[in-house]
């Protein structure tokens, strides 16, 4: 797995091992960022359920100003920290080893995002729950984009006031793009 484009292009990323881990493939990341166009430039990015951090690191490589990574697993968070260092993005990154919904609630007074990536374990209600908290706590800036990665068979989540503007399928994966505009 590598950074696809930008200042860290070609940088190899480490990924946590295990059956519950499914890093977003280079192909799917490249497709997602081609849909986002310049939405990353200057953005404050949230990479929730970050794993290796590939989505947030790709955004930083493509010009995001900063990224907040949230990963519950201590093992995955340690690997993510190594990936941030290897890409040279320490000064533009914040890493929280925390439950995702708890982390979102902690952002209520301090963080707002232009771009959010939600890539939780498949077959959980975490996308819908995360969308609801993002909207409820007004963590999204005007015209923010949220990209949710799910198993293709997963029903469209209630978007809590967000508008679905695109949906792309890649094998067993579906990317759903929401905006609050």
C-alpha atoms as a PDB file:
ATOM      1  CA  UNK A   1       0.000   0.000   0.000  1.00  0.00           C
ATOM      2  CA  UNK A   2       1.381   3.394  -1.050  1.00  0.00           C
ATOM      3  CA  UNK A   3       0.504   7.071  -1.143  1.00  0.00           C
ATOM      4  CA  UNK A   4      -0.907   7.537  -4.647  1.00  0.00           C
ATOM      5  CA  UNK A   5      -0.226  11.232  -5.372  1.00  0.00           C
ATOM      6  CA  UNK A   6       1.130  14.492  -4.005  1.00  0.00           C
ATOM      7  CA  UNK A   7       4.178  15.358  -1.944  1.00  0.00           C
ATOM      8  CA  UNK A   8       4.491  11.884  -0.372  1.00  0.00           C
ATOM      9  CA  UNK A   9       3.692  10.011  -3.594  1.00  0.00           C
ATOM     10  CA  UNK A  10       5.082   6.495  -3.630  1.00  0.00           C
ATOM     11  CA  UNK A  11       5.697   6.378   0.129  1.00  0.00           C
ATOM     12  CA  UNK A  12       5.011   2.832   1.345  1.00  0.00           C
ATOM     13  CA  UNK A  13       2.571   2.586   4.251  1.00  0.00           C
ATOM     14  CA  UNK A  14       2.534  -0.117   6.884  1.00  0.00           C
ATOM     15  CA  UNK A  15      -0.821  -1.650   7.759  1.00  0.00           C
ATOM     16  CA  UNK A  16      -1.974  -3.461  10.882  1.00  0.00           C
ATOM     17  CA  UNK A  17      -2.395  -7.197  10.405  1.00  0.00           C
ATOM     18  CA  UNK A  18      -5.425  -9.264  11.262  1.00  0.00           C
ATOM     19  CA  UNK A  19      -8.704 -10.428   9.842  1.00  0.00           C
ATOM     20  CA  UNK A  20     -10.606  -7.345  11.013  1.00  0.00           C
ATOM     21  CA  UNK A  21      -8.322  -4.964   9.118  1.00  0.00           C
ATOM     22  CA  UNK A  22      -9.020  -4.090   5.505  1.00  0.00           C
ATOM     23  CA  UNK A  23      -6.986  -1.098   4.420  1.00  0.00           C
ATOM     24  CA  UNK A  24      -8.523   0.973   1.644  1.00  0.00           C
ATOM     25  CA  UNK A  25      -6.784  -0.172  -1.520  1.00  0.00           C
ATOM     26  CA  UNK A  26      -4.696   2.173  -3.642  1.00  0.00           C
ATOM     27  CA  UNK A  27      -7.273   1.844  -6.438  1.00  0.00           C
ATOM     28  CA  UNK A  28     -10.215   2.821  -4.230  1.00  0.00           C
ATOM     29  CA  UNK A  29      -8.276   5.725  -2.664  1.00  0.00           C
ATOM     30  CA  UNK A  30      -7.270   7.012  -6.086  1.00  0.00           C
ATOM     31  CA  UNK A  31     -10.891   6.828  -7.256  1.00  0.00           C
ATOM     32  CA  UNK A  32     -12.149   8.614  -4.133  1.00  0.00           C
ATOM     33  CA  UNK A  33      -9.676  11.455  -4.507  1.00  0.00           C
ATOM     34  CA  UNK A  34     -10.480  11.873  -8.199  1.00  0.00           C
ATOM     35  CA  UNK A  35     -14.117  12.451  -7.163  1.00  0.00           C
ATOM     36  CA  UNK A  36     -13.050  14.890  -4.435  1.00  0.00           C
ATOM     37  CA  UNK A  37     -10.953  16.919  -6.933  1.00  0.00           C
ATOM     38  CA  UNK A  38      -9.535  19.890  -5.031  1.00  0.00           C
ATOM     39  CA  UNK A  39     -11.624  19.386  -1.864  1.00  0.00           C
ATOM     40  CA  UNK A  40      -8.456  18.369  -0.040  1.00  0.00           C
ATOM     41  CA  UNK A  41      -6.483  21.525  -0.785  1.00  0.00           C
ATOM     42  CA  UNK A  42      -6.196  23.481   2.471  1.00  0.00           C
ATOM     43  CA  UNK A  43      -8.748  21.224   4.199  1.00  0.00           C
ATOM     44  CA  UNK A  44      -8.897  20.140   7.795  1.00  0.00           C
ATOM     45  CA  UNK A  45      -9.439  16.382   7.523  1.00  0.00           C
ATOM     46  CA  UNK A  46     -10.888  13.815   9.904  1.00  0.00           C
ATOM     47  CA  UNK A  47      -9.808  10.204   9.363  1.00  0.00           C
ATOM     48  CA  UNK A  48     -12.137   8.310  11.701  1.00  0.00           C
ATOM     49  CA  UNK A  49     -11.446   4.576  12.199  1.00  0.00           C
ATOM     50  CA  UNK A  50      -8.073   5.460  10.675  1.00  0.00           C
ATOM     51  CA  UNK A  51      -6.264   2.098  10.746  1.00  0.00           C
ATOM     52  CA  UNK A  52      -3.058   2.719   8.779  1.00  0.00           C
ATOM     53  CA  UNK A  53      -4.092   6.333   8.162  1.00  0.00           C
ATOM     54  CA  UNK A  54      -3.974   5.872   4.393  1.00  0.00           C
ATOM     55  CA  UNK A  55      -6.958   8.155   3.691  1.00  0.00           C
ATOM     56  CA  UNK A  56      -5.840  11.039   5.891  1.00  0.00           C
ATOM     57  CA  UNK A  57      -2.221  10.699   4.778  1.00  0.00           C
ATOM     58  CA  UNK A  58      -3.313  10.732   1.137  1.00  0.00           C
ATOM     59  CA  UNK A  59      -5.260  13.946   1.841  1.00  0.00           C
ATOM     60  CA  UNK A  60      -2.212  15.538   3.497  1.00  0.00           C
ATOM     61  CA  UNK A  61      -0.047  14.506   0.556  1.00  0.00           C
ATOM     62  CA  UNK A  62      -2.559  16.192  -1.777  1.00  0.00           C
ATOM     63  CA  UNK A  63      -2.529  19.496   0.079  1.00  0.00           C
ATOM     64  CA  UNK A  64      -4.750  19.240   3.161  1.00  0.00           C
ATOM     65  CA  UNK A  65      -3.560  21.645   5.844  1.00  0.00           C
ATOM     66  CA  UNK A  66      -3.991  19.201   8.735  1.00  0.00           C
ATOM     67  CA  UNK A  67      -5.498  15.846   9.617  1.00  0.00           C
ATOM     68  CA  UNK A  68      -6.949  14.399  12.786  1.00  0.00           C
ATOM     69  CA  UNK A  69      -6.659  10.608  12.974  1.00  0.00           C
ATOM     70  CA  UNK A  70      -8.811   8.554  15.341  1.00  0.00           C
ATOM     71  CA  UNK A  71      -7.974   4.889  15.879  1.00  0.00           C
ATOM     72  CA  UNK A  72      -9.192   2.712  18.741  1.00  0.00           C
ATOM     73  CA  UNK A  73      -6.587  -0.066  18.485  1.00  0.00           C
ATOM     74  CA  UNK A  74      -3.295   0.717  20.231  1.00  0.00           C
ATOM     75  CA  UNK A  75      -1.442  -1.548  17.812  1.00  0.00           C
ATOM     76  CA  UNK A  76      -2.926   0.174  14.750  1.00  0.00           C
ATOM     77  CA  UNK A  77      -2.334   3.614  16.305  1.00  0.00           C
ATOM     78  CA  UNK A  78       1.364   2.781  16.769  1.00  0.00           C
ATOM     79  CA  UNK A  79       1.634   1.786  13.092  1.00  0.00           C
ATOM     80  CA  UNK A  80      -0.275   4.908  12.077  1.00  0.00           C
ATOM     81  CA  UNK A  81       2.154   7.059  14.074  1.00  0.00           C
ATOM     82  CA  UNK A  82       5.051   5.434  12.155  1.00  0.00           C
ATOM     83  CA  UNK A  83       3.271   6.140   8.838  1.00  0.00           C
ATOM     84  CA  UNK A  84       2.740   9.804   9.776  1.00  0.00           C
ATOM     85  CA  UNK A  85       6.443  10.117  10.627  1.00  0.00           C
ATOM     86  CA  UNK A  86       7.565   8.301   7.464  1.00  0.00           C
ATOM     87  CA  UNK A  87       5.491  10.678   5.319  1.00  0.00           C
ATOM     88  CA  UNK A  88       6.836  13.743   7.125  1.00  0.00           C
ATOM     89  CA  UNK A  89       3.424  14.939   8.359  1.00  0.00           C
ATOM     90  CA  UNK A  90       4.005  15.025  12.124  1.00  0.00           C
ATOM     91  CA  UNK A  91       3.493  18.795  12.362  1.00  0.00           C
ATOM     92  CA  UNK A  92       0.226  18.643  10.435  1.00  0.00           C
ATOM     93  CA  UNK A  93      -1.268  15.621  12.213  1.00  0.00           C
ATOM     94  CA  UNK A  94      -3.069  14.877  15.443  1.00  0.00           C
ATOM     95  CA  UNK A  95      -3.561  11.245  16.510  1.00  0.00           C
ATOM     96  CA  UNK A  96      -6.081  10.103  19.092  1.00  0.00           C
ATOM     97  CA  UNK A  97      -6.149   6.515  20.298  1.00  0.00           C
ATOM     98  CA  UNK A  98      -9.811   6.473  21.282  1.00  0.00           C
ATOM     99  CA  UNK A  99     -13.260   5.119  20.598  1.00  0.00           C
ATOM    100  CA  UNK A 100     -14.515   6.992  17.519  1.00  0.00           C
ATOM    101  CA  UNK A 101     -17.804   8.264  18.935  1.00  0.00           C
ATOM    102  CA  UNK A 102     -16.138   9.361  22.177  1.00  0.00           C
ATOM    103  CA  UNK A 103     -13.495  11.210  20.145  1.00  0.00           C
ATOM    104  CA  UNK A 104     -16.164  12.974  18.073  1.00  0.00           C
ATOM    105  CA  UNK A 105     -17.879  14.162  21.247  1.00  0.00           C
ATOM    106  CA  UNK A 106     -14.550  15.486  22.547  1.00  0.00           C
ATOM    107  CA  UNK A 107     -14.250  17.678  19.421  1.00  0.00           C
ATOM    108  CA  UNK A 108     -17.436  19.625  20.219  1.00  0.00           C
ATOM    109  CA  UNK A 109     -15.599  22.748  21.392  1.00  0.00           C
ATOM    110  CA  UNK A 110     -12.365  22.479  19.433  1.00  0.00           C
ATOM    111  CA  UNK A 111     -12.564  20.946  15.960  1.00  0.00           C
ATOM    112  CA  UNK A 112     -14.380  21.550  12.658  1.00  0.00           C
ATOM    113  CA  UNK A 113     -13.708  19.632   9.443  1.00  0.00           C
ATOM    114  CA  UNK A 114     -13.922  20.270   5.696  1.00  0.00           C
ATOM    115  CA  UNK A 115     -13.455  16.607   4.852  1.00  0.00           C
ATOM    116  CA  UNK A 116     -14.173  13.453   6.857  1.00  0.00           C
ATOM    117  CA  UNK A 117     -13.437   9.816   6.058  1.00  0.00           C
ATOM    118  CA  UNK A 118     -15.473   7.130   7.821  1.00  0.00           C
ATOM    119  CA  UNK A 119     -14.118   3.615   7.334  1.00  0.00           C
ATOM    120  CA  UNK A 120     -15.372   1.554  10.296  1.00  0.00           C
ATOM    121  CA  UNK A 121     -15.460  -2.223  10.537  1.00  0.00           C
ATOM    122  CA  UNK A 122     -18.015  -3.599   8.096  1.00  0.00           C
ATOM    123  CA  UNK A 123     -21.446  -4.714   9.266  1.00  0.00           C
ATOM    124  CA  UNK A 124     -21.668  -2.261  12.163  1.00  0.00           C
ATOM    125  CA  UNK A 125     -23.945   0.772  12.651  1.00  0.00           C
ATOM    126  CA  UNK A 126     -20.911   3.041  13.084  1.00  0.00           C
ATOM    127  CA  UNK A 127     -21.290   4.998   9.830  1.00  0.00           C
ATOM    128  CA  UNK A 128     -24.843   6.022  10.688  1.00  0.00           C
ATOM    129  CA  UNK A 129     -23.911   6.800  14.298  1.00  0.00           C
ATOM    130  CA  UNK A 130     -20.865   8.833  13.232  1.00  0.00           C
ATOM    131  CA  UNK A 131     -22.869  10.831  10.677  1.00  0.00           C
ATOM    132  CA  UNK A 132     -25.460  11.645  13.348  1.00  0.00           C
ATOM    133  CA  UNK A 133     -22.807  12.883  15.813  1.00  0.00           C
ATOM    134  CA  UNK A 134     -20.973  14.923  13.143  1.00  0.00           C
ATOM    135  CA  UNK A 135     -24.231  16.746  12.350  1.00  0.00           C
ATOM    136  CA  UNK A 136     -25.551  16.985  15.914  1.00  0.00           C
ATOM    137  CA  UNK A 137     -22.348  18.580  17.211  1.00  0.00           C
ATOM    138  CA  UNK A 138     -21.877  20.709  14.063  1.00  0.00           C
ATOM    139  CA  UNK A 139     -18.385  19.333  13.458  1.00  0.00           C
ATOM    140  CA  UNK A 140     -18.617  19.906   9.695  1.00  0.00           C
ATOM    141  CA  UNK A 141     -17.808  23.257   8.123  1.00  0.00           C
ATOM    142  CA  UNK A 142     -20.124  24.626   5.413  1.00  0.00           C
ATOM    143  CA  UNK A 143     -19.894  22.551   2.216  1.00  0.00           C
ATOM    144  CA  UNK A 144     -17.887  19.831   3.975  1.00  0.00           C
ATOM    145  CA  UNK A 145     -17.674  16.403   2.368  1.00  0.00           C
ATOM    146  CA  UNK A 146     -17.969  13.081   4.202  1.00  0.00           C
ATOM    147  CA  UNK A 147     -16.798   9.885   2.513  1.00  0.00           C
ATOM    148  CA  UNK A 148     -18.134   6.655   4.028  1.00  0.00           C
ATOM    149  CA  UNK A 149     -16.690   3.273   3.049  1.00  0.00           C
ATOM    150  CA  UNK A 150     -18.956   0.270   3.613  1.00  0.00           C
ATOM    151  CA  UNK A 151     -19.708  -3.226   2.386  1.00  0.00           C
ATOM    152  CA  UNK A 152     -21.756  -3.021  -0.794  1.00  0.00           C
ATOM    153  CA  UNK A 153     -24.697  -4.882   0.784  1.00  0.00           C
ATOM    154  CA  UNK A 154     -25.009  -2.309   3.586  1.00  0.00           C
ATOM    155  CA  UNK A 155     -28.151  -0.196   3.217  1.00  0.00           C
ATOM    156  CA  UNK A 156     -27.718   3.531   2.725  1.00  0.00           C
ATOM    157  CA  UNK A 157     -27.403   5.021   6.214  1.00  0.00           C
ATOM    158  CA  UNK A 158     -29.691   7.734   7.453  1.00  0.00           C
ATOM    159  CA  UNK A 159     -27.638  10.784   6.581  1.00  0.00           C
ATOM    160  CA  UNK A 160     -28.822  12.934   9.493  1.00  0.00           C
ATOM    161  CA  UNK A 161     -29.428  15.969   7.295  1.00  0.00           C
ATOM    162  CA  UNK A 162     -26.519  15.384   4.927  1.00  0.00           C
ATOM    163  CA  UNK A 163     -27.097  14.971   1.202  1.00  0.00           C
ATOM    164  CA  UNK A 164     -25.742  11.948  -0.684  1.00  0.00           C
ATOM    165  CA  UNK A 165     -24.177  13.303  -3.878  1.00  0.00           C
ATOM    166  CA  UNK A 166     -22.284  10.306  -5.229  1.00  0.00           C
ATOM    167  CA  UNK A 167     -21.937   6.569  -4.705  1.00  0.00           C
ATOM    168  CA  UNK A 168     -19.274   4.351  -6.275  1.00  0.00           C
ATOM    169  CA  UNK A 169     -18.861   0.585  -6.120  1.00  0.00           C
ATOM    170  CA  UNK A 170     -15.556  -1.270  -6.152  1.00  0.00           C
ATOM    171  CA  UNK A 171     -15.884  -5.029  -5.739  1.00  0.00           C
ATOM    172  CA  UNK A 172     -17.304  -5.645  -2.241  1.00  0.00           C
ATOM    173  CA  UNK A 173     -16.879  -1.972  -1.288  1.00  0.00           C
ATOM    174  CA  UNK A 174     -19.092   1.061  -1.768  1.00  0.00           C
ATOM    175  CA  UNK A 175     -17.970   4.665  -1.242  1.00  0.00           C
ATOM    176  CA  UNK A 176     -20.754   7.081  -0.367  1.00  0.00           C
ATOM    177  CA  UNK A 177     -20.120  10.815  -0.623  1.00  0.00           C
ATOM    178  CA  UNK A 178     -22.199  13.198   1.503  1.00  0.00           C
ATOM    179  CA  UNK A 179     -22.232  16.976   1.786  1.00  0.00           C
ATOM    180  CA  UNK A 180     -23.914  19.367   4.164  1.00  0.00           C
ATOM    181  CA  UNK A 181     -24.556  22.046   1.534  1.00  0.00           C
END
